[in-house]
Amino acid sequence: MITKESKILVVGGAGTMGSSTALHLARRGYKDIRILDMFQPPSANSAGNDMNKLISTQYIDGIWGRLALETWDAWKSDELFTPFLHPVGRLDLAKKDKRRVASLKRQYDLNVSAGKGDNVEWLHNKEDILKKGAYLEDGEIEGWQGMWIRDAGWVAARDALTAVGAELRRLGVKSAFGTSGTFKSLLLGTDGTTVLGVKAVDGKEWPADLVIMATGAWSPTLIDLEDQCISKCWQFGHIRLSAEEVDKLKGTPTLYNSELGFFMEPSPEGIMKFVNEFEGYTRMATCRPFGAKTDITMSVPRSHALNPTDTIPEEGERAIKDVINTCFPQFSNKLLFDKAICWCTDSYDGNWLLCDDPRYNGLILATGDCGHTFKMLPIVGKYVADLIEGRLSREDRDRWRWRPEGKKAAETGREGPQPEDLNDKKGWRHDDPAVSELASRTRAARL
């Protein structure tokens, strides 16, 4: 029985799910919480450690529709998060992808039928699009159509995670970082199933009454999830704009095109991020997560923080430049810099894996991003806390349960084809011998 006095460890506690979980537990009065992470908040291994992330309320049906409305309200009303919300609206557009156009039209119709017609507007053509996004006047957008969403925009991701980390310290949440905060194994009782804590890579043992594994893309490599999740990566790059260019784009709607990619307005300093849209990459390798009896071949993330000279594949750079050339041909000669890969872990049915691990007593899993979780930063930890306190609804418990049988029913947690493998791509890996040695020592300490 977990009480407000119980020792709780949140592994991966400087990332999105982990920091949100620690925040909600601390706000509910739990007094002995400790976050463990290789890095301080915002964790350099977290996909949330990014300049910005999209947020939208266009999906009003299903679980992600319900959560999108809830998290939008939280970003607007919770004083911890409101400074980081930029409600500039969103253009969600398509051209050749008839299925995407049909999906967008269905979303539009659902909004209208639910009495939320003032939140959306259907854009039939270029003329309609330019009324909402005049910045596209030089873009190659003939034949595009889609939807404008009012209650949408972007959030300052890295800044929000940093603020949560500061709030955790203010609330008395303890922490351990570096080798003392890097997970090596669970500590088990003599019965082999009762979790007594966590052992870090430097040998430090952290006792606990409850361990929460919120380790993002690294989850399948740390705990044997029996193939319920797969880690995949995406790529992004930045360009630098002049003060005049920044001023023209200030406060403009975000743009998402499933056939192309997405972007948000530049920072005040003139940095603008672009992302191409595709099915992501895996990186197949062999590892042995805790609980596995043999080595397992799976998709294993490669930490950009430990390999900072890595960039993105050549084909990825071409795809990102295509986003820029299509929407902003006037920026086509700008240098693409700070190119990097970020990792997420997807479940096979597109829902979180947020449950008690049935193989152990005292272990909770909180992972399975599927591209949705950062915008849920203000609320996802509430559901972990509800699970601990027995308040999680039956419907949500069933949706987010332990389900190794789930892979039989679905092939990927996102729309589109299966991902190709990063190992087969050219141009992204640039090993620095000194950095590689550090990464090797870190990995060796875990074994």
Protein backbone atom coordinates (compact mmCIF):
# COMPACT_ATOMS: atom_id res chain seq x y z
CA MET A 1 0.00 0.00 0.00
CA ILE A 2 1.54 3.28 -1.14
CA THR A 3 1.06 6.19 1.26
CA LYS A 4 2.08 9.85 1.23
CA GLU A 5 5.15 8.79 3.26
CA SER A 6 6.30 6.01 0.86
CA LYS A 7 9.62 6.23 -0.94
CA ILE A 8 8.95 6.73 -4.65
CA LEU A 9 11.59 6.66 -7.37
CA VAL A 10 10.80 8.14 -10.79
CA VAL A 11 13.35 6.81 -13.27
CA GLY A 12 13.65 9.17 -16.21
CA GLY A 13 12.29 11.89 -13.96
CA ALA A 14 13.88 14.76 -15.89
CA GLY A 15 11.94 13.96 -19.07
CA THR A 16 8.32 14.55 -20.04
CA MET A 17 6.37 11.71 -18.44
CA GLY A 18 8.71 11.46 -15.47
CA SER A 19 8.74 15.13 -14.52
CA SER A 20 4.98 15.40 -14.96
CA THR A 21 4.52 12.36 -12.72
CA ALA A 22 6.80 13.76 -10.02
CA LEU A 23 4.98 17.09 -10.21
CA HIS A 24 1.53 15.61 -9.73
CA LEU A 25 2.68 13.36 -6.89
CA ALA A 26 4.34 16.28 -5.13
CA ARG A 27 1.24 18.43 -5.60
CA ARG A 28 -0.83 15.67 -4.01
CA GLY A 29 1.35 15.70 -0.93
CA TYR A 30 3.69 12.75 -1.43
CA LYS A 31 6.71 13.60 0.66
CA ASP A 32 9.52 11.25 -0.39
CA ILE A 33 9.89 11.46 -4.17
CA ARG A 34 13.22 11.19 -5.94
CA ILE A 35 13.82 11.56 -9.66
CA LEU A 36 16.67 9.61 -11.27
CA ASP A 37 18.08 10.62 -14.64
CA MET A 38 21.38 10.69 -16.49
CA PHE A 39 20.83 14.44 -17.01
CA GLN A 40 19.33 17.29 -15.02
CA PRO A 41 16.01 18.79 -16.17
CA PRO A 42 15.37 19.15 -19.00
CA SER A 43 17.02 15.79 -19.67
CA ALA A 44 19.26 15.90 -22.71
CA ASN A 45 17.91 12.45 -23.62
CA SER A 46 14.29 13.60 -23.62
CA ALA A 47 12.46 14.34 -26.87
CA GLY A 48 10.86 17.16 -24.90
CA ASN A 49 14.21 18.96 -24.63
CA ASP A 50 13.42 20.88 -27.78
CA MET A 51 12.77 24.50 -28.71
CA ASN A 52 9.09 23.98 -29.43
CA LYS A 53 6.32 21.44 -29.95
CA LEU A 54 2.97 21.56 -31.73
CA ILE A 55 -0.32 21.54 -29.83
CA SER A 56 -3.87 21.40 -31.24
CA THR A 57 -7.45 20.67 -30.24
CA GLN A 58 -8.69 19.56 -33.66
CA TYR A 59 -9.17 15.93 -32.61
CA ILE A 60 -12.28 15.92 -30.49
CA ASP A 61 -13.18 12.24 -30.62
CA GLY A 62 -11.39 9.28 -29.07
CA ILE A 63 -8.84 9.24 -26.29
CA TRP A 64 -6.45 11.72 -27.88
CA GLY A 65 -9.30 14.11 -28.53
CA ARG A 66 -10.35 13.96 -24.90
CA LEU A 67 -6.80 14.46 -23.65
CA ALA A 68 -6.10 17.25 -26.16
CA LEU A 69 -8.97 19.33 -24.79
CA GLU A 70 -7.94 18.62 -21.22
CA THR A 71 -4.31 19.53 -21.76
CA TRP A 72 -5.22 22.70 -23.70
CA ASP A 73 -7.19 23.85 -20.69
CA ALA A 74 -4.25 23.00 -18.42
CA TRP A 75 -1.76 24.95 -20.54
CA LYS A 76 -4.15 27.93 -20.38
CA SER A 77 -5.05 27.77 -16.69
CA ASP A 78 -2.11 26.29 -14.75
CA GLU A 79 0.21 29.17 -13.83
CA LEU A 80 3.23 26.90 -14.11
CA PHE A 81 2.53 26.27 -17.80
CA THR A 82 0.73 29.34 -19.14
CA PRO A 83 3.91 31.32 -19.90
CA PHE A 84 4.94 28.68 -22.42
CA LEU A 85 1.74 28.40 -24.47
CA HIS A 86 1.59 30.31 -27.77
CA PRO A 87 -2.02 29.98 -29.04
CA VAL A 88 -1.36 31.20 -32.57
CA GLY A 89 -3.61 28.70 -34.33
CA ARG A 90 -2.75 25.94 -36.78
CA LEU A 91 -2.98 25.27 -40.50
CA ASP A 92 -3.37 21.52 -41.12
CA LEU A 93 -3.15 21.04 -44.88
CA ALA A 94 -2.78 18.37 -47.56
CA LYS A 95 -2.70 18.04 -51.33
CA LYS A 96 -2.11 14.64 -52.90
CA ASP A 97 -2.95 12.51 -49.88
CA LYS A 98 -6.68 12.00 -50.40
CA ARG A 99 -6.97 9.92 -47.23
CA ARG A 100 -5.50 12.78 -45.22
CA VAL A 101 -7.87 15.27 -46.84
CA ALA A 102 -10.78 12.99 -45.98
CA SER A 103 -9.51 12.64 -42.40
CA LEU A 104 -9.21 16.40 -42.03
CA LYS A 105 -12.72 16.90 -43.44
CA ARG A 106 -14.04 14.35 -40.96
CA GLN A 107 -12.35 16.22 -38.10
CA TYR A 108 -13.87 19.45 -39.34
CA ASP A 109 -17.36 17.92 -39.56
CA LEU A 110 -17.04 16.42 -36.07
CA ASN A 111 -16.10 19.81 -34.63
CA VAL A 112 -19.10 21.42 -36.31
CA SER A 113 -21.53 18.71 -35.20
CA ALA A 114 -20.19 18.95 -31.63
CA GLY A 115 -20.96 22.67 -31.53
CA LYS A 116 -17.31 23.67 -31.93
CA GLY A 117 -17.61 25.17 -35.38
CA ASP A 118 -16.11 28.42 -34.12
CA ASN A 119 -12.85 26.54 -33.45
CA VAL A 120 -12.31 25.42 -37.03
CA GLU A 121 -12.61 26.68 -40.58
CA TRP A 122 -12.39 24.66 -43.79
CA LEU A 123 -9.91 26.03 -46.30
CA HIS A 124 -10.86 25.07 -49.84
CA ASN A 125 -7.97 26.53 -51.79
CA LYS A 126 -4.89 28.74 -51.81
CA GLU A 127 -6.96 31.89 -51.47
CA ASP A 128 -8.60 30.60 -48.27
CA ILE A 129 -5.23 29.46 -46.90
CA LEU A 130 -3.60 32.86 -47.47
CA LYS A 131 -6.35 34.56 -45.47
CA LYS A 132 -5.09 32.64 -42.43
CA GLY A 133 -1.43 32.32 -43.39
CA ALA A 134 -0.35 35.22 -45.57
CA TYR A 135 3.27 34.19 -44.97
CA LEU A 136 2.70 31.43 -47.56
CA GLU A 137 2.07 33.87 -50.42
CA ASP A 138 5.35 32.89 -52.13
CA GLY A 139 4.88 29.19 -51.36
CA GLU A 140 4.02 26.42 -53.80
CA ILE A 141 0.63 25.63 -52.29
CA GLU A 142 -1.65 25.41 -55.33
CA GLY A 143 -4.09 22.56 -54.84
CA TRP A 144 -3.67 22.50 -51.07
CA GLN A 145 -6.70 22.38 -48.80
CA GLY A 146 -7.42 21.58 -45.20
CA MET A 147 -8.37 23.10 -41.91
CA TRP A 148 -7.54 26.06 -39.72
CA ILE A 149 -7.81 25.44 -35.98
CA ARG A 150 -8.19 28.36 -33.58
CA ASP A 151 -7.33 26.63 -30.29
CA ALA A 152 -3.92 25.44 -31.36
CA GLY A 153 -0.36 26.65 -31.70
CA TRP A 154 2.89 25.69 -30.06
CA VAL A 155 4.52 25.38 -26.66
CA ALA A 156 8.06 26.32 -25.62
CA ALA A 157 9.05 22.77 -24.76
CA ARG A 158 12.52 23.12 -23.27
CA ASP A 159 11.51 26.16 -21.22
CA ALA A 160 8.44 24.35 -19.87
CA LEU A 161 10.46 21.30 -18.82
CA THR A 162 13.01 23.58 -17.16
CA ALA A 163 10.22 25.31 -15.23
CA VAL A 164 8.83 21.96 -14.06
CA GLY A 165 12.29 20.96 -12.85
CA ALA A 166 12.54 24.17 -10.84
CA GLU A 167 9.07 23.59 -9.39
CA LEU A 168 10.04 20.05 -8.35
CA ARG A 169 12.99 21.44 -6.43
CA ARG A 170 10.75 24.03 -4.77
CA LEU A 171 8.31 21.29 -3.75
CA GLY A 172 11.10 19.27 -2.13
CA VAL A 173 11.46 16.52 -4.73
CA LYS A 174 14.90 14.95 -4.41
CA SER A 175 17.09 13.94 -7.32
CA ALA A 176 20.18 12.09 -8.50
CA PHE A 177 21.86 12.64 -11.86
CA GLY A 178 24.88 11.41 -13.76
CA THR A 179 26.03 7.86 -13.08
CA SER A 180 24.19 7.80 -9.74
CA GLY A 181 20.95 8.60 -11.54
CA THR A 182 21.42 6.27 -14.50
CA PHE A 183 19.41 3.06 -14.28
CA LYS A 184 21.23 -0.28 -14.35
CA SER A 185 18.74 -2.70 -12.79
CA LEU A 186 15.89 -3.16 -10.39
CA LEU A 187 16.61 -4.33 -6.86
CA LEU A 188 14.44 -7.35 -6.11
CA GLY A 189 13.53 -9.16 -2.92
CA THR A 190 14.27 -12.82 -2.30
CA ASP A 191 11.03 -13.79 -4.01
CA GLY A 192 12.38 -12.37 -7.29
CA THR A 193 9.27 -10.28 -7.89
CA THR A 194 9.11 -7.63 -5.15
CA VAL A 195 10.80 -4.41 -6.22
CA LEU A 196 12.93 -2.92 -3.46
CA GLY A 197 14.50 -0.11 -5.44
CA VAL A 198 16.94 0.68 -8.22
CA LYS A 199 20.64 0.09 -8.74
CA ALA A 200 22.47 2.80 -10.69
CA VAL A 201 25.36 2.26 -13.09
CA ASP A 202 27.91 3.44 -10.50
CA GLY A 203 26.67 0.82 -8.04
CA LYS A 204 24.60 3.21 -5.93
CA GLU A 205 21.48 1.53 -4.59
CA TRP A 206 18.31 3.55 -4.16
CA PRO A 207 15.69 1.88 -1.92
CA ALA A 208 12.04 2.46 -2.77
CA ASP A 209 8.53 1.33 -2.00
CA LEU A 210 7.53 2.11 -5.58
CA VAL A 211 9.53 2.51 -8.79
CA ILE A 212 8.07 4.32 -11.79
CA MET A 213 9.85 3.72 -15.10
CA ALA A 214 9.23 6.80 -17.27
CA THR A 215 12.25 6.42 -19.49
CA GLY A 216 10.88 7.39 -22.88
CA ALA A 217 12.67 6.01 -25.92
CA TRP A 218 15.07 4.06 -23.71
CA SER A 219 12.27 2.10 -21.99
CA PRO A 220 12.49 -1.10 -24.10
CA THR A 221 16.28 -1.20 -23.64
CA LEU A 222 16.08 -0.88 -19.84
CA ILE A 223 13.14 -3.13 -18.96
CA ASP A 224 12.01 -6.08 -21.05
CA LEU A 225 8.65 -4.86 -22.36
CA GLU A 226 8.06 -8.08 -24.29
CA ASP A 227 7.99 -6.22 -27.60
CA GLN A 228 5.13 -3.90 -26.69
CA CYS A 229 6.96 -0.74 -27.76
CA ILE A 230 9.39 0.21 -30.49
CA SER A 231 11.80 3.16 -30.39
CA LYS A 232 11.90 5.37 -33.47
CA CYS A 233 13.58 8.64 -34.33
CA TRP A 234 12.78 11.73 -36.34
CA GLN A 235 14.94 14.59 -37.55
CA PHE A 236 14.91 18.37 -37.54
CA GLY A 237 17.04 21.34 -38.49
CA HIS A 238 17.11 25.11 -38.05
CA ILE A 239 17.69 28.24 -40.09
CA ARG A 240 18.54 31.75 -38.94
CA LEU A 241 16.33 34.70 -39.92
CA SER A 242 16.92 38.43 -39.94
CA ALA A 243 15.12 40.72 -37.50
CA GLU A 244 12.84 41.87 -40.29
CA GLU A 245 12.00 38.27 -41.26
CA VAL A 246 11.28 37.41 -37.63
CA ASP A 247 8.94 40.36 -37.31
CA LYS A 248 6.93 39.28 -40.38
CA LEU A 249 6.41 35.79 -38.95
CA LYS A 250 5.71 36.76 -35.36
CA GLY A 251 2.45 35.28 -34.11
CA THR A 252 1.71 33.37 -37.31
CA PRO A 253 -0.13 30.02 -37.23
CA THR A 254 1.83 26.79 -37.16
CA LEU A 255 1.71 24.68 -40.30
CA TYR A 256 1.44 20.91 -40.55
CA ASN A 257 1.30 18.97 -43.81
CA SER A 258 1.41 15.19 -43.47
CA GLU A 259 2.97 14.86 -46.93
CA LEU A 260 5.70 17.39 -46.23
CA GLY A 261 6.42 18.39 -42.64
CA PHE A 262 5.81 21.20 -40.18
CA PHE A 263 7.17 24.36 -38.61
CA MET A 264 6.38 27.10 -36.12
CA GLU A 265 7.19 30.80 -35.96
CA PRO A 266 10.86 31.66 -35.27
CA SER A 267 12.22 32.52 -31.85
CA PRO A 268 12.81 36.19 -31.01
CA GLU A 269 16.49 35.46 -31.65
CA GLY A 270 15.69 34.44 -35.23
CA ILE A 271 15.96 30.65 -34.99
CA MET A 272 13.30 28.70 -36.89
CA LYS A 273 12.90 24.92 -36.68
CA PHE A 274 11.75 22.73 -39.58
CA VAL A 275 10.76 19.07 -39.45
CA ASN A 276 9.96 16.75 -42.34
CA GLU A 277 7.12 14.30 -41.86
CA PHE A 278 7.74 10.61 -42.45
CA GLU A 279 7.45 7.26 -40.68
CA GLY A 280 10.67 7.67 -38.66
CA TYR A 281 13.69 5.39 -38.42
CA THR A 282 14.55 2.47 -36.21
CA ARG A 283 18.13 1.58 -35.25
CA MET A 284 18.33 -2.16 -34.84
CA ALA A 285 20.95 -3.48 -32.44
CA THR A 286 21.32 -6.10 -29.74
CA CYS A 287 20.89 -5.44 -26.04
CA ARG A 288 19.68 -7.20 -22.92
CA PRO A 289 17.15 -5.20 -20.91
CA PHE A 290 16.47 -6.04 -17.28
CA GLY A 291 14.31 -9.15 -17.01
CA ALA A 292 15.37 -10.62 -20.37
CA LYS A 293 17.13 -13.98 -20.20
CA THR A 294 18.94 -13.53 -23.50
CA ASP A 295 20.07 -10.71 -25.76
CA ILE A 296 17.27 -9.18 -27.83
CA THR A 297 17.49 -7.50 -31.21
CA MET A 298 15.44 -4.32 -31.06
CA SER A 299 15.54 -0.67 -32.03
CA VAL A 300 18.08 0.98 -29.71
CA PRO A 301 18.31 4.78 -29.45
CA ARG A 302 21.63 6.51 -29.94
CA SER A 303 21.85 9.45 -27.57
CA HIS A 304 22.59 12.74 -29.27
CA ALA A 305 23.76 14.05 -25.90
CA LEU A 306 26.45 11.38 -25.78
CA ASN A 307 27.15 11.66 -29.51
CA PRO A 308 26.85 15.40 -30.19
CA THR A 309 28.64 15.22 -33.53
CA ASP A 310 25.82 13.12 -35.00
CA THR A 311 23.54 14.98 -37.42
CA ILE A 312 20.84 13.61 -39.74
CA PRO A 313 20.84 11.40 -42.85
CA GLU A 314 21.47 13.01 -46.21
CA GLU A 315 17.96 12.14 -47.33
CA GLY A 316 16.57 13.81 -44.23
CA GLU A 317 18.39 17.04 -44.97
CA ARG A 318 16.95 17.01 -48.49
CA ALA A 319 13.46 16.42 -47.11
CA ILE A 320 13.73 19.28 -44.61
CA LYS A 321 15.01 21.60 -47.31
CA ASP A 322 11.99 20.57 -49.39
CA VAL A 323 9.73 21.86 -46.59
CA ILE A 324 11.59 25.17 -46.64
CA ASN A 325 11.70 25.46 -50.44
CA THR A 326 7.99 24.66 -50.78
CA CYS A 327 6.73 27.05 -48.12
CA PHE A 328 9.46 29.70 -48.04
CA PRO A 329 11.32 29.72 -51.36
CA GLN A 330 12.83 33.05 -50.30
CA PHE A 331 14.71 31.14 -47.56
CA SER A 332 16.05 28.42 -49.88
CA ASN A 333 19.66 29.60 -49.66
CA LYS A 334 19.78 29.79 -45.88
CA LEU A 335 22.12 27.41 -44.10
CA LEU A 336 20.46 24.49 -42.32
CA PHE A 337 22.22 24.07 -38.97
CA ASP A 338 21.83 22.38 -35.59
CA LYS A 339 20.57 19.26 -37.34
CA ALA A 340 19.73 16.44 -34.99
CA ILE A 341 17.69 13.32 -34.36
CA CYS A 342 15.22 12.91 -31.51
CA TRP A 343 13.90 9.60 -30.19
CA CYS A 344 10.43 8.48 -29.09
CA THR A 345 8.95 5.12 -28.19
CA ASP A 346 5.66 4.04 -29.75
CA SER A 347 3.29 1.33 -28.66
CA TYR A 348 1.84 -0.77 -31.44
CA ASP A 349 -1.73 0.36 -30.94
CA GLY A 350 -1.00 4.07 -30.48
CA ASN A 351 -1.86 4.20 -26.76
CA TRP A 352 0.33 4.69 -23.71
CA LEU A 353 1.71 1.78 -21.77
CA LEU A 354 0.74 3.16 -18.37
CA CYS A 355 0.21 0.36 -15.91
CA ASP A 356 1.46 -1.79 -13.09
CA ASP A 357 3.96 -4.29 -14.44
CA PRO A 358 2.22 -7.63 -13.70
CA ARG A 359 5.55 -9.43 -13.36
CA TYR A 360 6.69 -7.37 -10.36
CA ASN A 361 5.23 -5.91 -7.20
CA GLY A 362 6.01 -2.23 -6.90
CA LEU A 363 6.82 -1.31 -10.51
CA ILE A 364 4.83 1.07 -12.71
CA LEU A 365 5.50 1.61 -16.42
CA ALA A 366 4.81 4.97 -18.05
CA THR A 367 5.88 5.04 -21.69
CA GLY A 368 4.62 4.63 -25.28
CA ASP A 369 4.67 8.20 -26.56
CA CYS A 370 3.26 7.76 -30.09
CA GLY A 371 3.93 11.42 -30.90
CA HIS A 372 1.38 12.80 -28.43
CA THR A 373 2.99 13.07 -25.05
CA PHE A 374 4.85 16.35 -24.83
CA LYS A 375 1.71 18.42 -25.29
CA MET A 376 0.30 16.33 -22.43
CA LEU A 377 3.07 17.52 -20.07
CA PRO A 378 0.64 19.32 -17.72
CA ILE A 379 -1.65 16.29 -17.34
CA VAL A 380 0.03 12.95 -18.09
CA GLY A 381 1.42 12.69 -14.56
CA LYS A 382 -2.10 13.03 -13.20
CA TYR A 383 -2.97 9.70 -14.77
CA VAL A 384 0.09 8.01 -13.29
CA ALA A 385 -0.87 9.39 -9.88
CA ASP A 386 -4.45 8.21 -10.41
CA LEU A 387 -3.15 4.73 -11.23
CA ILE A 388 -1.16 4.67 -7.99
CA GLU A 389 -4.17 5.80 -5.97
CA GLY A 390 -6.64 3.45 -7.64
CA ARG A 391 -8.54 6.34 -9.23
CA LEU A 392 -7.86 5.55 -12.87
CA SER A 393 -11.08 4.78 -14.71
CA ARG A 394 -11.72 1.23 -15.83
CA GLU A 395 -11.71 2.37 -19.44
CA ASP A 396 -8.29 4.01 -19.15
CA ARG A 397 -6.84 1.12 -17.16
CA ASP A 398 -7.90 -1.25 -19.92
CA ARG A 399 -6.62 1.02 -22.72
CA TRP A 400 -3.18 1.51 -21.13
CA ARG A 401 -2.79 -1.97 -19.65
CA TRP A 402 0.10 -4.41 -20.03
CA ARG A 403 -0.70 -5.96 -23.43
CA PRO A 404 2.06 -7.96 -25.16
CA GLU A 405 -0.66 -9.44 -27.35
CA GLY A 406 -1.23 -5.97 -28.83
CA LYS A 407 1.40 -6.30 -31.55
CA LYS A 408 -0.67 -9.02 -33.18
CA ALA A 409 -3.40 -6.49 -33.89
CA ALA A 410 -1.34 -3.57 -35.21
CA GLU A 411 1.96 -2.89 -36.89
CA THR A 412 2.77 0.64 -35.76
CA GLY A 413 1.53 3.30 -33.37
CA ARG A 414 1.31 5.91 -36.14
CA GLU A 415 -0.18 6.17 -39.59
CA GLY A 416 1.98 5.30 -42.56
CA PRO A 417 4.42 2.58 -43.63
CA GLN A 418 6.92 0.77 -41.48
CA PRO A 419 10.08 2.73 -40.61
CA GLU A 420 13.37 2.10 -42.38
CA ASP A 421 16.54 1.57 -40.38
CA LEU A 422 18.94 4.35 -39.51
CA ASN A 423 21.91 2.00 -39.86
CA ASP A 424 21.22 1.87 -43.60
CA LYS A 425 21.27 5.65 -44.06
CA LYS A 426 24.21 7.83 -45.02
CA GLY A 427 25.54 11.04 -43.58
CA TRP A 428 24.26 11.16 -40.01
CA ARG A 429 26.98 9.50 -37.97
CA HIS A 430 30.12 11.50 -37.21
CA ASP A 431 31.91 9.79 -34.35
CA ASP A 432 34.15 11.91 -32.16
CA PRO A 433 36.71 9.46 -30.64
CA ALA A 434 36.72 11.18 -27.23
CA VAL A 435 32.93 11.35 -27.03
CA SER A 436 32.58 7.76 -28.25
CA GLU A 437 34.90 6.60 -25.50
CA LEU A 438 32.75 8.35 -22.89
CA ALA A 439 29.60 6.79 -24.33
CA SER A 440 31.27 3.35 -24.36
CA ARG A 441 32.24 3.67 -20.70
CA THR A 442 28.69 4.70 -19.83
CA ARG A 443 27.24 1.70 -21.67
CA ALA A 444 29.81 -0.66 -20.12
CA ALA A 445 28.83 0.53 -16.65
CA ARG A 446 25.25 -0.53 -17.35
CA LEU A 447 26.20 -4.08 -18.32
